[in-house]
Amino acid sequence: MFEFYFDQMNELVFIAEVKNQHLYYKKMNKAAAKLVRCQGEAGMRLESVLPERVYHSLYPY
């Protein structure tokens, strides 16, 4: 059920993990993947996937 609702959300959703003070995405929903045009593997650093401005606005959270 989680997967269905996760992918149906219009909001950008990233499930991330913090390692060595960097955010690594574990999963993103379809809306987020469309925005960042990401086809990469989970585990990439969010800063390499997101525009710098967006990354820095998310990092504190």
PDB file of N, CA and C in Angstrom:
ATOM      1  N   MET A   1       0.806  -1.181   0.000  1.00  0.00           N
ATOM      2  CA  MET A   1       0.000   0.000   0.000  1.00  0.00           C
ATOM      3  C   MET A   1       0.865   1.268   0.000  1.00  0.00           C
ATOM      4  N   PHE A   2       1.946   1.218   0.769  1.00  0.00           N
ATOM      5  CA  PHE A   2       2.830   2.385   0.852  1.00  0.00           C
ATOM      6  C   PHE A   2       3.328   2.787  -0.529  1.00  0.00           C
ATOM      7  N   GLU A   3       3.787   1.822  -1.302  1.00  0.00           N
ATOM      8  CA  GLU A   3       4.333   2.103  -2.633  1.00  0.00           C
ATOM      9  C   GLU A   3       3.305   2.803  -3.519  1.00  0.00           C
ATOM     10  N   PHE A   4       2.078   2.358  -3.466  1.00  0.00           N
ATOM     11  CA  PHE A   4       1.028   2.947  -4.295  1.00  0.00           C
ATOM     12  C   PHE A   4       0.846   4.427  -3.949  1.00  0.00           C
ATOM     13  N   TYR A   5       0.647   4.732  -2.662  1.00  0.00           N
ATOM     14  CA  TYR A   5       0.433   6.118  -2.256  1.00  0.00           C
ATOM     15  C   TYR A   5       1.688   6.963  -2.438  1.00  0.00           C
ATOM     16  N   PHE A   6       2.818   6.386  -2.186  1.00  0.00           N
ATOM     17  CA  PHE A   6       4.093   7.083  -2.346  1.00  0.00           C
ATOM     18  C   PHE A   6       4.242   7.598  -3.769  1.00  0.00           C
ATOM     19  N   ASP A   7       3.958   6.752  -4.737  1.00  0.00           N
ATOM     20  CA  ASP A   7       4.124   7.133  -6.138  1.00  0.00           C
ATOM     21  C   ASP A   7       2.979   7.994  -6.680  1.00  0.00           C
ATOM     22  N   GLN A   8       1.839   8.016  -5.998  1.00  0.00           N
ATOM     23  CA  GLN A   8       0.699   8.820  -6.445  1.00  0.00           C
ATOM     24  C   GLN A   8       0.744  10.251  -5.932  1.00  0.00           C
ATOM     25  N   MET A   9       1.601  10.550  -4.967  1.00  0.00           N
ATOM     26  CA  MET A   9       1.666  11.887  -4.379  1.00  0.00           C
ATOM     27  C   MET A   9       2.204  12.888  -5.396  1.00  0.00           C
ATOM     28  N   ASN A  10       1.597  14.074  -5.420  1.00  0.00           N
ATOM     29  CA  ASN A  10       2.066  15.142  -6.296  1.00  0.00           C
ATOM     30  C   ASN A  10       3.265  15.865  -5.704  1.00  0.00           C
ATOM     31  N   GLU A  11       3.393  15.808  -4.380  1.00  0.00           N
ATOM     32  CA  GLU A  11       4.516  16.442  -3.702  1.00  0.00           C
ATOM     33  C   GLU A  11       5.788  15.654  -3.969  1.00  0.00           C
ATOM     34  N   LEU A  12       6.908  16.350  -3.924  1.00  0.00           N
ATOM     35  CA  LEU A  12       8.201  15.692  -4.101  1.00  0.00           C
ATOM     36  C   LEU A  12       8.562  15.002  -2.791  1.00  0.00           C
ATOM     37  N   VAL A  13       8.818  13.717  -2.859  1.00  0.00           N
ATOM     38  CA  VAL A  13       9.155  12.966  -1.650  1.00  0.00           C
ATOM     39  C   VAL A  13      10.461  12.212  -1.883  1.00  0.00           C
ATOM     40  N   PHE A  14      11.409  12.461  -0.993  1.00  0.00           N
ATOM     41  CA  PHE A  14      12.684  11.750  -1.007  1.00  0.00           C
ATOM     42  C   PHE A  14      12.822  11.025   0.321  1.00  0.00           C
ATOM     43  N   ILE A  15      13.181   9.790   0.276  1.00  0.00           N
ATOM     44  CA  ILE A  15      13.565   9.085   1.496  1.00  0.00           C
ATOM     45  C   ILE A  15      15.079   9.062   1.446  1.00  0.00           C
ATOM     46  N   ALA A  16      15.680   9.686   2.445  1.00  0.00           N
ATOM     47  CA  ALA A  16      17.129   9.877   2.418  1.00  0.00           C
ATOM     48  C   ALA A  16      17.781   9.311   3.672  1.00  0.00           C
ATOM     49  N   GLU A  17      19.068   9.088   3.564  1.00  0.00           N
ATOM     50  CA  GLU A  17      19.888   8.599   4.665  1.00  0.00           C
ATOM     51  C   GLU A  17      21.088   9.539   4.791  1.00  0.00           C
ATOM     52  N   VAL A  18      21.464   9.826   6.009  1.00  0.00           N
ATOM     53  CA  VAL A  18      22.626  10.680   6.242  1.00  0.00           C
ATOM     54  C   VAL A  18      23.839   9.799   6.514  1.00  0.00           C
ATOM     55  N   LYS A  19      24.906  10.035   5.744  1.00  0.00           N
ATOM     56  CA  LYS A  19      26.187   9.347   5.941  1.00  0.00           C
ATOM     57  C   LYS A  19      27.285  10.380   5.779  1.00  0.00           C
ATOM     58  N   ASN A  20      28.153  10.460   6.766  1.00  0.00           N
ATOM     59  CA  ASN A  20      29.291  11.383   6.685  1.00  0.00           C
ATOM     60  C   ASN A  20      28.860  12.798   6.322  1.00  0.00           C
ATOM     61  N   GLN A  21      27.773  13.254   6.905  1.00  0.00           N
ATOM     62  CA  GLN A  21      27.223  14.599   6.714  1.00  0.00           C
ATOM     63  C   GLN A  21      26.771  14.878   5.281  1.00  0.00           C
ATOM     64  N   HIS A  22      26.463  13.843   4.541  1.00  0.00           N
ATOM     65  CA  HIS A  22      25.901  13.969   3.194  1.00  0.00           C
ATOM     66  C   HIS A  22      24.588  13.199   3.163  1.00  0.00           C
ATOM     67  N   LEU A  23      23.658  13.670   2.348  1.00  0.00           N
ATOM     68  CA  LEU A  23      22.380  12.991   2.179  1.00  0.00           C
ATOM     69  C   LEU A  23      22.455  12.083   0.953  1.00  0.00           C
ATOM     70  N   TYR A  24      22.041  10.855   1.134  1.00  0.00           N
ATOM     71  CA  TYR A  24      21.981   9.877   0.054  1.00  0.00           C
ATOM     72  C   TYR A  24      20.530   9.461  -0.104  1.00  0.00           C
ATOM     73  N   TYR A  25      20.023   9.500  -1.331  1.00  0.00           N
ATOM     74  CA  TYR A  25      18.621   9.133  -1.481  1.00  0.00           C
ATOM     75  C   TYR A  25      18.497   7.622  -1.545  1.00  0.00           C
ATOM     76  N   LYS A  26      17.508   7.144  -0.821  1.00  0.00           N
ATOM     77  CA  LYS A  26      17.190   5.723  -0.818  1.00  0.00           C
ATOM     78  C   LYS A  26      16.068   5.443  -1.807  1.00  0.00           C
ATOM     79  N   LYS A  27      15.147   6.413  -1.888  1.00  0.00           N
ATOM     80  CA  LYS A  27      14.012   6.261  -2.792  1.00  0.00           C
ATOM     81  C   LYS A  27      13.411   7.638  -3.030  1.00  0.00           C
ATOM     82  N   MET A  28      12.860   7.846  -4.199  1.00  0.00           N
ATOM     83  CA  MET A  28      12.108   9.066  -4.472  1.00  0.00           C
ATOM     84  C   MET A  28      10.853   8.673  -5.225  1.00  0.00           C
ATOM     85  N   ASN A  29       9.804   9.478  -5.042  1.00  0.00           N
ATOM     86  CA  ASN A  29       8.566   9.156  -5.739  1.00  0.00           C
ATOM     87  C   ASN A  29       8.639   9.648  -7.190  1.00  0.00           C
ATOM     88  N   LYS A  30       7.615   9.334  -7.948  1.00  0.00           N
ATOM     89  CA  LYS A  30       7.616   9.670  -9.378  1.00  0.00           C
ATOM     90  C   LYS A  30       7.688  11.173  -9.619  1.00  0.00           C
ATOM     91  N   ALA A  31       7.010  11.963  -8.774  1.00  0.00           N
ATOM     92  CA  ALA A  31       7.038  13.426  -8.944  1.00  0.00           C
ATOM     93  C   ALA A  31       8.463  13.952  -8.767  1.00  0.00           C
ATOM     94  N   ALA A  32       9.174  13.452  -7.779  1.00  0.00           N
ATOM     95  CA  ALA A  32      10.551  13.888  -7.547  1.00  0.00           C
ATOM     96  C   ALA A  32      11.458  13.433  -8.685  1.00  0.00           C
ATOM     97  N   ALA A  33      11.304  12.205  -9.116  1.00  0.00           N
ATOM     98  CA  ALA A  33      12.139  11.684 -10.206  1.00  0.00           C
ATOM     99  C   ALA A  33      11.914  12.477 -11.490  1.00  0.00           C
ATOM    100  N   LYS A  34      10.678  12.880 -11.722  1.00  0.00           N
ATOM    101  CA  LYS A  34      10.375  13.669 -12.924  1.00  0.00           C
ATOM    102  C   LYS A  34      11.046  15.038 -12.848  1.00  0.00           C
ATOM    103  N   LEU A  35      10.991  15.668 -11.674  1.00  0.00           N
ATOM    104  CA  LEU A  35      11.589  16.994 -11.517  1.00  0.00           C
ATOM    105  C   LEU A  35      13.095  16.950 -11.737  1.00  0.00           C
ATOM    106  N   VAL A  36      13.763  15.993 -11.132  1.00  0.00           N
ATOM    107  CA  VAL A  36      15.222  15.955 -11.229  1.00  0.00           C
ATOM    108  C   VAL A  36      15.694  15.129 -12.421  1.00  0.00           C
ATOM    109  N   ARG A  37      14.723  14.559 -13.137  1.00  0.00           N
ATOM    110  CA  ARG A  37      15.046  13.732 -14.303  1.00  0.00           C
ATOM    111  C   ARG A  37      16.086  12.675 -13.959  1.00  0.00           C
ATOM    112  N   CYS A  38      15.845  12.047 -12.837  1.00  0.00           N
ATOM    113  CA  CYS A  38      16.812  11.072 -12.329  1.00  0.00           C
ATOM    114  C   CYS A  38      16.434   9.666 -12.752  1.00  0.00           C
ATOM    115  N   GLN A  39      17.359   8.996 -13.325  1.00  0.00           N
ATOM    116  CA  GLN A  39      17.198   7.594 -13.650  1.00  0.00           C
ATOM    117  C   GLN A  39      18.278   6.777 -12.943  1.00  0.00           C
ATOM    118  N   GLY A  40      19.028   7.442 -12.075  1.00  0.00           N
ATOM    119  CA  GLY A  40      20.156   6.793 -11.417  1.00  0.00           C
ATOM    120  C   GLY A  40      19.750   5.815 -10.341  1.00  0.00           C
ATOM    121  N   GLU A  41      20.738   5.152  -9.848  1.00  0.00           N
ATOM    122  CA  GLU A  41      20.530   4.165  -8.813  1.00  0.00           C
ATOM    123  C   GLU A  41      20.305   4.821  -7.462  1.00  0.00           C
ATOM    124  N   ALA A  42      19.470   4.216  -6.656  1.00  0.00           N
ATOM    125  CA  ALA A  42      19.324   4.666  -5.276  1.00  0.00           C
ATOM    126  C   ALA A  42      20.691   4.578  -4.624  1.00  0.00           C
ATOM    127  N   GLY A  43      20.945   5.490  -3.720  1.00  0.00           N
ATOM    128  CA  GLY A  43      22.236   5.527  -3.056  1.00  0.00           C
ATOM    129  C   GLY A  43      23.109   6.669  -3.536  1.00  0.00           C
ATOM    130  N   MET A  44      22.670   7.381  -4.566  1.00  0.00           N
ATOM    131  CA  MET A  44      23.433   8.535  -5.042  1.00  0.00           C
ATOM    132  C   MET A  44      23.296   9.671  -4.044  1.00  0.00           C
ATOM    133  N   ARG A  45      24.293  10.532  -3.972  1.00  0.00           N
ATOM    134  CA  ARG A  45      24.202  11.702  -3.106  1.00  0.00           C
ATOM    135  C   ARG A  45      23.160  12.653  -3.678  1.00  0.00           C
ATOM    136  N   LEU A  46      22.296  13.150  -2.799  1.00  0.00           N
ATOM    137  CA  LEU A  46      21.254  14.071  -3.250  1.00  0.00           C
ATOM    138  C   LEU A  46      21.846  15.305  -3.896  1.00  0.00           C
ATOM    139  N   GLU A  47      22.983  15.753  -3.425  1.00  0.00           N
ATOM    140  CA  GLU A  47      23.575  16.956  -4.009  1.00  0.00           C
ATOM    141  C   GLU A  47      24.017  16.744  -5.447  1.00  0.00           C
ATOM    142  N   SER A  48      24.200  15.500  -5.860  1.00  0.00           N
ATOM    143  CA  SER A  48      24.556  15.243  -7.249  1.00  0.00           C
ATOM    144  C   SER A  48      23.317  15.067  -8.121  1.00  0.00           C
ATOM    145  N   VAL A  49      22.160  14.948  -7.493  1.00  0.00           N
ATOM    146  CA  VAL A  49      20.914  14.726  -8.216  1.00  0.00           C
ATOM    147  C   VAL A  49      20.084  16.000  -8.303  1.00  0.00           C
ATOM    148  N   LEU A  50      20.076  16.783  -7.224  1.00  0.00           N
ATOM    149  CA  LEU A  50      19.235  17.978  -7.151  1.00  0.00           C
ATOM    150  C   LEU A  50      19.999  19.226  -7.558  1.00  0.00           C
ATOM    151  N   PRO A  51      19.269  20.239  -8.025  1.00  0.00           N
ATOM    152  CA  PRO A  51      19.910  21.541  -8.229  1.00  0.00           C
ATOM    153  C   PRO A  51      20.453  22.038  -6.880  1.00  0.00           C
ATOM    154  N   GLU A  52      21.555  22.749  -6.902  1.00  0.00           N
ATOM    155  CA  GLU A  52      22.229  23.181  -5.672  1.00  0.00           C
ATOM    156  C   GLU A  52      21.284  23.942  -4.737  1.00  0.00           C
ATOM    157  N   ARG A  53      20.496  24.842  -5.286  1.00  0.00           N
ATOM    158  CA  ARG A  53      19.571  25.643  -4.477  1.00  0.00           C
ATOM    159  C   ARG A  53      18.574  24.749  -3.732  1.00  0.00           C
ATOM    160  N   VAL A  54      18.042  23.756  -4.414  1.00  0.00           N
ATOM    161  CA  VAL A  54      17.068  22.842  -3.812  1.00  0.00           C
ATOM    162  C   VAL A  54      17.743  21.997  -2.734  1.00  0.00           C
ATOM    163  N   TYR A  55      18.920  21.498  -3.038  1.00  0.00           N
ATOM    164  CA  TYR A  55      19.644  20.669  -2.066  1.00  0.00           C
ATOM    165  C   TYR A  55      19.888  21.434  -0.777  1.00  0.00           C
ATOM    166  N   HIS A  56      20.350  22.670  -0.891  1.00  0.00           N
ATOM    167  CA  HIS A  56      20.675  23.459   0.302  1.00  0.00           C
ATOM    168  C   HIS A  56      19.419  23.846   1.089  1.00  0.00           C
ATOM    169  N   SER A  57      18.291  23.911   0.428  1.00  0.00           N
ATOM    170  CA  SER A  57      17.054  24.190   1.173  1.00  0.00           C
ATOM    171  C   SER A  57      16.561  22.937   1.908  1.00  0.00           C
ATOM    172  N   LEU A  58      16.868  21.746   1.411  1.00  0.00           N
ATOM    173  CA  LEU A  58      16.461  20.500   2.059  1.00  0.00           C
ATOM    174  C   LEU A  58      17.428  20.031   3.141  1.00  0.00           C
ATOM    175  N   TYR A  59      18.680  20.333   2.991  1.00  0.00           N
ATOM    176  CA  TYR A  59      19.713  19.762   3.852  1.00  0.00           C
ATOM    177  C   TYR A  59      19.449  19.929   5.351  1.00  0.00           C
ATOM    178  N   PRO A  60      19.011  21.097   5.820  1.00  0.00           N
ATOM    179  CA  PRO A  60      18.793  21.243   7.270  1.00  0.00           C
ATOM    180  C   PRO A  60      17.751  20.284   7.847  1.00  0.00           C
ATOM    181  N   TYR A  61      16.844  19.815   7.009  1.00  0.00           N
ATOM    182  CA  TYR A  61      15.780  18.940   7.510  1.00  0.00           C
ATOM    183  C   TYR A  61      16.204  17.493   7.517  1.00  0.00           C
TER     184      TYR A  61
END
